[in-house]
Amino acid sequence: MNTSPSSWRERLTSPLTWHFAAATVLLVATLVLGTRFGLDWAATNDRSVGILAQKQVQLKALDLQTQPLRGLEARAAESRAQIKDFYSQRIPPHYSTIDARVGELAVAAPVRLTRVQYTQKARNADLTEILLDANITGEYPQILRFVNSLERDRIFFVIRAMALTGQQGGAVSLRLQVSTWLRPADAAASGLPAAAPAPPDSPAAKEGF
């Protein structure tokens, strides 16, 4: 059955036809816009996740970099307290305290000290090094006892050098060089002479004398 041209024109001009056409166009536009919105949303979400991950990495890096600085003030205060205790307990107040203590340890060993000489190095803002240079005579066990007692004493002694100078029977003679320290004001009041520079190739120079 054929449809006449007039019938097609009636259908095209019918409001129902235009309604279906408009609905179809709106449906297509909605699908296109929805698809575009979904793609844009996915892209935006991916970028947001990437930015968040990058910020988390940066935050972790900063956390690792600042970790050594945490508690620095407390550690500095603890270090100052330890330095203060060291000065008060192991740095003697007077040169005579050093000389008396060395004599006590020599008697306790027992060893004999001869040609004992004290000198001082250049003063600085914190401490002044006091140098003891002496000959020590005794048997090996006695000398070892004396040296160990110096290193373990409450006064801070550092053995710089020992050199054999003689031996007779069971007794030996050594040259002993020891460092200790005084506060600059106490060193200035001690009246000790300044230490002469040692020759560059001497054992004393190599030890820092």
C-alpha atoms as a PDB file:
ATOM      1  CA  MET A   1       0.000   0.000   0.000  1.00  0.00           C
ATOM      2  CA  ASN A   2       1.593   3.275  -1.082  1.00  0.00           C
ATOM      3  CA  THR A   3       1.515   6.417   1.001  1.00  0.00           C
ATOM      4  CA  SER A   4       0.676   9.582  -0.865  1.00  0.00           C
ATOM      5  CA  PRO A   5       2.896  12.701  -0.752  1.00  0.00           C
ATOM      6  CA  SER A   6       0.189  14.586   1.062  1.00  0.00           C
ATOM      7  CA  SER A   7       0.258  11.961   3.802  1.00  0.00           C
ATOM      8  CA  TRP A   8       4.062  12.390   4.272  1.00  0.00           C
ATOM      9  CA  ARG A   9       3.685  16.130   4.493  1.00  0.00           C
ATOM     10  CA  GLU A  10       1.028  15.736   7.138  1.00  0.00           C
ATOM     11  CA  ARG A  11       3.316  13.456   9.161  1.00  0.00           C
ATOM     12  CA  LEU A  12       6.281  15.840   8.828  1.00  0.00           C
ATOM     13  CA  THR A  13       4.223  18.780   9.951  1.00  0.00           C
ATOM     14  CA  SER A  14       2.679  16.809  12.783  1.00  0.00           C
ATOM     15  CA  PRO A  15       3.615  18.045  16.318  1.00  0.00           C
ATOM     16  CA  LEU A  16       4.181  14.457  17.388  1.00  0.00           C
ATOM     17  CA  THR A  17       6.846  13.993  14.731  1.00  0.00           C
ATOM     18  CA  TRP A  18       8.697  17.143  15.826  1.00  0.00           C
ATOM     19  CA  HIS A  19       8.407  15.999  19.436  1.00  0.00           C
ATOM     20  CA  PHE A  20      10.102  12.672  18.647  1.00  0.00           C
ATOM     21  CA  ALA A  21      12.802  14.447  16.627  1.00  0.00           C
ATOM     22  CA  ALA A  22      13.524  16.902  19.412  1.00  0.00           C
ATOM     23  CA  ALA A  23      13.607  14.084  21.939  1.00  0.00           C
ATOM     24  CA  THR A  24      16.050  12.158  19.792  1.00  0.00           C
ATOM     25  CA  VAL A  25      18.354  15.184  19.442  1.00  0.00           C
ATOM     26  CA  LEU A  26      18.261  15.811  23.188  1.00  0.00           C
ATOM     27  CA  LEU A  27      19.039  12.157  23.871  1.00  0.00           C
ATOM     28  CA  VAL A  28      22.020  12.205  21.533  1.00  0.00           C
ATOM     29  CA  ALA A  29      23.265  15.491  23.024  1.00  0.00           C
ATOM     30  CA  THR A  30      22.866  14.090  26.540  1.00  0.00           C
ATOM     31  CA  LEU A  31      24.852  10.977  25.644  1.00  0.00           C
ATOM     32  CA  VAL A  32      27.617  13.062  24.040  1.00  0.00           C
ATOM     33  CA  LEU A  33      27.818  15.471  26.979  1.00  0.00           C
ATOM     34  CA  GLY A  34      27.682  12.631  29.503  1.00  0.00           C
ATOM     35  CA  THR A  35      30.492  10.794  27.780  1.00  0.00           C
ATOM     36  CA  ARG A  36      32.597  13.970  27.622  1.00  0.00           C
ATOM     37  CA  PHE A  37      31.907  14.720  31.289  1.00  0.00           C
ATOM     38  CA  GLY A  38      32.889  11.191  32.249  1.00  0.00           C
ATOM     39  CA  LEU A  39      36.154  11.406  30.336  1.00  0.00           C
ATOM     40  CA  ASP A  40      36.945  14.833  31.807  1.00  0.00           C
ATOM     41  CA  TRP A  41      36.124  13.578  35.304  1.00  0.00           C
ATOM     42  CA  ALA A  42      38.384  10.550  34.891  1.00  0.00           C
ATOM     43  CA  ALA A  43      41.238  12.740  33.620  1.00  0.00           C
ATOM     44  CA  THR A  44      40.768  15.220  36.464  1.00  0.00           C
ATOM     45  CA  ASN A  45      40.643  12.429  39.014  1.00  0.00           C
ATOM     46  CA  ASP A  46      43.849  10.885  37.653  1.00  0.00           C
ATOM     47  CA  ARG A  47      45.612  14.249  37.863  1.00  0.00           C
ATOM     48  CA  SER A  48      44.369  14.756  41.406  1.00  0.00           C
ATOM     49  CA  VAL A  49      45.654  11.329  42.451  1.00  0.00           C
ATOM     50  CA  GLY A  50      49.008  12.055  40.810  1.00  0.00           C
ATOM     51  CA  ILE A  51      49.319  15.445  42.525  1.00  0.00           C
ATOM     52  CA  LEU A  52      48.371  13.927  45.886  1.00  0.00           C
ATOM     53  CA  ALA A  53      50.969  11.168  45.480  1.00  0.00           C
ATOM     54  CA  GLN A  54      53.619  13.742  44.547  1.00  0.00           C
ATOM     55  CA  LYS A  55      52.778  15.848  47.614  1.00  0.00           C
ATOM     56  CA  GLN A  56      53.010  12.762  49.817  1.00  0.00           C
ATOM     57  CA  VAL A  57      56.457  11.967  48.410  1.00  0.00           C
ATOM     58  CA  GLN A  58      57.598  15.556  49.035  1.00  0.00           C
ATOM     59  CA  LEU A  59      56.237  15.442  52.582  1.00  0.00           C
ATOM     60  CA  LYS A  60      58.080  12.183  53.271  1.00  0.00           C
ATOM     61  CA  ALA A  61      61.310  13.647  51.888  1.00  0.00           C
ATOM     62  CA  LEU A  62      60.956  16.705  54.116  1.00  0.00           C
ATOM     63  CA  ASP A  63      60.240  14.456  57.082  1.00  0.00           C
ATOM     64  CA  LEU A  64      63.442  12.493  56.451  1.00  0.00           C
ATOM     65  CA  GLN A  65      65.470  15.680  55.991  1.00  0.00           C
ATOM     66  CA  THR A  66      64.270  17.256  59.228  1.00  0.00           C
ATOM     67  CA  GLN A  67      64.501  14.084  61.305  1.00  0.00           C
ATOM     68  CA  PRO A  68      68.119  14.725  62.462  1.00  0.00           C
ATOM     69  CA  LEU A  69      67.081  18.162  63.718  1.00  0.00           C
ATOM     70  CA  ARG A  70      64.361  16.879  66.029  1.00  0.00           C
ATOM     71  CA  GLY A  71      65.306  17.245  69.648  1.00  0.00           C
ATOM     72  CA  LEU A  72      68.408  19.222  68.694  1.00  0.00           C
ATOM     73  CA  GLU A  73      67.810  21.803  71.410  1.00  0.00           C
ATOM     74  CA  ALA A  74      67.530  19.099  74.066  1.00  0.00           C
ATOM     75  CA  ARG A  75      70.704  17.391  72.833  1.00  0.00           C
ATOM     76  CA  ALA A  76      72.556  20.716  72.809  1.00  0.00           C
ATOM     77  CA  ALA A  77      71.491  21.381  76.398  1.00  0.00           C
ATOM     78  CA  GLU A  78      72.617  17.882  77.381  1.00  0.00           C
ATOM     79  CA  SER A  79      75.997  18.435  75.679  1.00  0.00           C
ATOM     80  CA  ARG A  80      76.486  21.733  77.514  1.00  0.00           C
ATOM     81  CA  ALA A  81      75.724  20.006  80.810  1.00  0.00           C
ATOM     82  CA  GLN A  82      78.213  17.217  80.030  1.00  0.00           C
ATOM     83  CA  ILE A  83      80.921  19.742  79.129  1.00  0.00           C
ATOM     84  CA  LYS A  84      80.267  21.630  82.352  1.00  0.00           C
ATOM     85  CA  ASP A  85      80.540  18.400  84.372  1.00  0.00           C
ATOM     86  CA  PHE A  86      83.747  17.463  82.548  1.00  0.00           C
ATOM     87  CA  TYR A  87      85.307  20.836  83.333  1.00  0.00           C
ATOM     88  CA  SER A  88      84.293  20.723  86.972  1.00  0.00           C
ATOM     89  CA  GLN A  89      85.315  17.106  87.592  1.00  0.00           C
ATOM     90  CA  ARG A  90      88.350  16.494  85.374  1.00  0.00           C
ATOM     91  CA  ILE A  91      90.013  19.886  84.801  1.00  0.00           C
ATOM     92  CA  PRO A  92      92.002  20.878  87.889  1.00  0.00           C
ATOM     93  CA  PRO A  93      91.696  24.393  89.336  1.00  0.00           C
ATOM     94  CA  HIS A  94      95.438  24.967  89.869  1.00  0.00           C
ATOM     95  CA  TYR A  95      98.810  23.870  88.513  1.00  0.00           C
ATOM     96  CA  SER A  96      99.772  22.708  92.021  1.00  0.00           C
ATOM     97  CA  THR A  97      96.884  20.221  91.929  1.00  0.00           C
ATOM     98  CA  ILE A  98      98.410  18.591  88.839  1.00  0.00           C
ATOM     99  CA  ASP A  99     101.894  18.392  90.332  1.00  0.00           C
ATOM    100  CA  ALA A 100     100.620  16.978  93.611  1.00  0.00           C
ATOM    101  CA  ARG A 101      98.513  14.337  91.889  1.00  0.00           C
ATOM    102  CA  VAL A 102     101.351  13.160  89.644  1.00  0.00           C
ATOM    103  CA  GLY A 103     103.538  12.826  92.746  1.00  0.00           C
ATOM    104  CA  GLU A 104     100.865  10.781  94.543  1.00  0.00           C
ATOM    105  CA  LEU A 105     100.543   8.379  91.626  1.00  0.00           C
ATOM    106  CA  ALA A 106     104.325   7.998  91.343  1.00  0.00           C
ATOM    107  CA  VAL A 107     104.566   7.064  95.034  1.00  0.00           C
ATOM    108  CA  ALA A 108     101.684   4.596  94.728  1.00  0.00           C
ATOM    109  CA  ALA A 109     103.187   2.790  91.688  1.00  0.00           C
ATOM    110  CA  PRO A 110     105.994   3.125  92.896  1.00  0.00           C
ATOM    111  CA  VAL A 111     108.273   4.808  90.343  1.00  0.00           C
ATOM    112  CA  ARG A 112     110.812   7.597  90.535  1.00  0.00           C
ATOM    113  CA  LEU A 113     110.359  10.818  88.546  1.00  0.00           C
ATOM    114  CA  THR A 114     113.335  13.009  87.723  1.00  0.00           C
ATOM    115  CA  ARG A 115     113.886  16.130  85.615  1.00  0.00           C
ATOM    116  CA  VAL A 116     110.218  16.999  85.852  1.00  0.00           C
ATOM    117  CA  GLN A 117     109.322  20.037  83.744  1.00  0.00           C
ATOM    118  CA  TYR A 118     105.959  21.715  83.196  1.00  0.00           C
ATOM    119  CA  THR A 119     105.278  24.132  80.360  1.00  0.00           C
ATOM    120  CA  GLN A 120     102.142  25.573  78.792  1.00  0.00           C
ATOM    121  CA  LYS A 121     101.061  25.992  75.199  1.00  0.00           C
ATOM    122  CA  ALA A 122      99.437  29.088  73.745  1.00  0.00           C
ATOM    123  CA  ARG A 123      96.209  29.948  75.521  1.00  0.00           C
ATOM    124  CA  ASN A 124      92.853  29.800  73.839  1.00  0.00           C
ATOM    125  CA  ALA A 125      89.318  30.716  74.794  1.00  0.00           C
ATOM    126  CA  ASP A 126      88.463  27.339  76.319  1.00  0.00           C
ATOM    127  CA  LEU A 127      91.453  25.514  77.801  1.00  0.00           C
ATOM    128  CA  THR A 128      95.224  25.794  77.902  1.00  0.00           C
ATOM    129  CA  GLU A 129      97.293  22.666  77.420  1.00  0.00           C
ATOM    130  CA  ILE A 130      99.851  21.945  80.133  1.00  0.00           C
ATOM    131  CA  LEU A 131     102.780  19.722  79.144  1.00  0.00           C
ATOM    132  CA  LEU A 132     104.634  17.437  81.549  1.00  0.00           C
ATOM    133  CA  ASP A 133     108.055  16.185  80.449  1.00  0.00           C
ATOM    134  CA  ALA A 134     109.921  13.902  82.875  1.00  0.00           C
ATOM    135  CA  ASN A 135     112.128  10.850  83.228  1.00  0.00           C
ATOM    136  CA  ILE A 136     110.511   7.847  84.886  1.00  0.00           C
ATOM    137  CA  THR A 137     112.524   5.006  86.424  1.00  0.00           C
ATOM    138  CA  GLY A 138     111.255   1.692  87.754  1.00  0.00           C
ATOM    139  CA  GLU A 139     110.571  -1.888  86.855  1.00  0.00           C
ATOM    140  CA  TYR A 140     108.247  -2.594  83.936  1.00  0.00           C
ATOM    141  CA  PRO A 141     105.206  -3.574  86.071  1.00  0.00           C
ATOM    142  CA  GLN A 142     105.621  -0.425  88.158  1.00  0.00           C
ATOM    143  CA  ILE A 143     105.904   1.811  85.110  1.00  0.00           C
ATOM    144  CA  LEU A 144     102.830   0.220  83.534  1.00  0.00           C
ATOM    145  CA  ARG A 145     100.926   0.707  86.788  1.00  0.00           C
ATOM    146  CA  PHE A 146     101.898   4.371  86.869  1.00  0.00           C
ATOM    147  CA  VAL A 147     100.958   4.982  83.225  1.00  0.00           C
ATOM    148  CA  ASN A 148      97.601   3.216  83.654  1.00  0.00           C
ATOM    149  CA  SER A 149      96.857   5.206  86.783  1.00  0.00           C
ATOM    150  CA  LEU A 150      97.527   8.451  84.884  1.00  0.00           C
ATOM    151  CA  GLU A 151      95.165   7.481  82.070  1.00  0.00           C
ATOM    152  CA  ARG A 152      92.407   6.490  84.509  1.00  0.00           C
ATOM    153  CA  ASP A 153      92.790   9.339  86.956  1.00  0.00           C
ATOM    154  CA  ARG A 154      89.985  11.815  87.685  1.00  0.00           C
ATOM    155  CA  ILE A 155      92.262  14.555  86.318  1.00  0.00           C
ATOM    156  CA  PHE A 156      92.322  14.400  82.540  1.00  0.00           C
ATOM    157  CA  PHE A 157      95.795  13.161  81.505  1.00  0.00           C
ATOM    158  CA  VAL A 158      96.791  12.136  77.974  1.00  0.00           C
ATOM    159  CA  ILE A 159     100.005  10.165  77.392  1.00  0.00           C
ATOM    160  CA  ARG A 160     101.765  11.793  74.441  1.00  0.00           C
ATOM    161  CA  ALA A 161     104.969   9.778  74.172  1.00  0.00           C
ATOM    162  CA  MET A 162     107.302   7.358  75.948  1.00  0.00           C
ATOM    163  CA  ALA A 163     110.854   6.553  74.883  1.00  0.00           C
ATOM    164  CA  LEU A 164     113.398   4.202  76.423  1.00  0.00           C
ATOM    165  CA  THR A 165     116.430   6.084  77.705  1.00  0.00           C
ATOM    166  CA  GLY A 166     118.248   3.398  79.713  1.00  0.00           C
ATOM    167  CA  GLN A 167     118.135  -0.016  81.339  1.00  0.00           C
ATOM    168  CA  GLN A 168     120.067  -1.478  84.252  1.00  0.00           C
ATOM    169  CA  GLY A 169     119.217  -4.849  85.753  1.00  0.00           C
ATOM    170  CA  GLY A 170     115.457  -5.064  86.161  1.00  0.00           C
ATOM    171  CA  ALA A 171     114.977  -1.290  86.152  1.00  0.00           C
ATOM    172  CA  VAL A 172     114.374   0.798  83.060  1.00  0.00           C
ATOM    173  CA  SER A 173     114.344   4.527  82.454  1.00  0.00           C
ATOM    174  CA  LEU A 174     111.837   6.171  80.125  1.00  0.00           C
ATOM    175  CA  ARG A 175     111.199   9.685  78.985  1.00  0.00           C
ATOM    176  CA  LEU A 176     107.515  10.413  79.543  1.00  0.00           C
ATOM    177  CA  GLN A 177     105.492  13.210  77.942  1.00  0.00           C
ATOM    178  CA  VAL A 178     101.985  13.876  79.247  1.00  0.00           C
ATOM    179  CA  SER A 179      99.348  16.524  78.521  1.00  0.00           C
ATOM    180  CA  THR A 180      96.691  17.906  80.797  1.00  0.00           C
ATOM    181  CA  TRP A 181      94.704  21.165  80.739  1.00  0.00           C
ATOM    182  CA  LEU A 182      93.875  24.214  82.817  1.00  0.00           C
ATOM    183  CA  ARG A 183      91.359  26.983  82.333  1.00  0.00           C
ATOM    184  CA  PRO A 184      93.036  29.984  80.681  1.00  0.00           C
ATOM    185  CA  ALA A 185      92.878  32.172  83.816  1.00  0.00           C
ATOM    186  CA  ASP A 186      94.336  29.372  85.966  1.00  0.00           C
ATOM    187  CA  ALA A 187      97.094  28.749  83.418  1.00  0.00           C
ATOM    188  CA  ALA A 188      97.943  32.448  83.348  1.00  0.00           C
ATOM    189  CA  ALA A 189      98.194  32.480  87.148  1.00  0.00           C
ATOM    190  CA  SER A 190     100.355  29.341  87.243  1.00  0.00           C
ATOM    191  CA  GLY A 191     103.535  31.135  86.156  1.00  0.00           C
ATOM    192  CA  LEU A 192     104.547  28.172  83.971  1.00  0.00           C
ATOM    193  CA  PRO A 193     106.857  29.003  81.053  1.00  0.00           C
ATOM    194  CA  ALA A 194     105.668  28.687  77.476  1.00  0.00           C
ATOM    195  CA  ALA A 195     106.569  25.486  75.664  1.00  0.00           C
ATOM    196  CA  ALA A 196     109.366  25.867  73.113  1.00  0.00           C
ATOM    197  CA  PRO A 197     108.485  24.647  69.585  1.00  0.00           C
ATOM    198  CA  ALA A 198     109.907  21.181  68.932  1.00  0.00           C
ATOM    199  CA  PRO A 199     112.043  20.492  65.842  1.00  0.00           C
ATOM    200  CA  PRO A 200     109.859  19.325  62.912  1.00  0.00           C
ATOM    201  CA  ASP A 201     111.455  15.857  62.759  1.00  0.00           C
ATOM    202  CA  SER A 202     111.384  15.144  66.494  1.00  0.00           C
ATOM    203  CA  PRO A 203     108.975  12.665  68.133  1.00  0.00           C
ATOM    204  CA  ALA A 204     107.586  15.493  70.246  1.00  0.00           C
ATOM    205  CA  ALA A 205     106.672  17.491  67.166  1.00  0.00           C
ATOM    206  CA  LYS A 206     104.966  14.491  65.606  1.00  0.00           C
ATOM    207  CA  GLU A 207     102.954  14.065  68.791  1.00  0.00           C
ATOM    208  CA  GLY A 208     101.821  17.690  68.692  1.00  0.00           C
ATOM    209  CA  PHE A 209     104.288  19.251  71.153  1.00  0.00           C
END
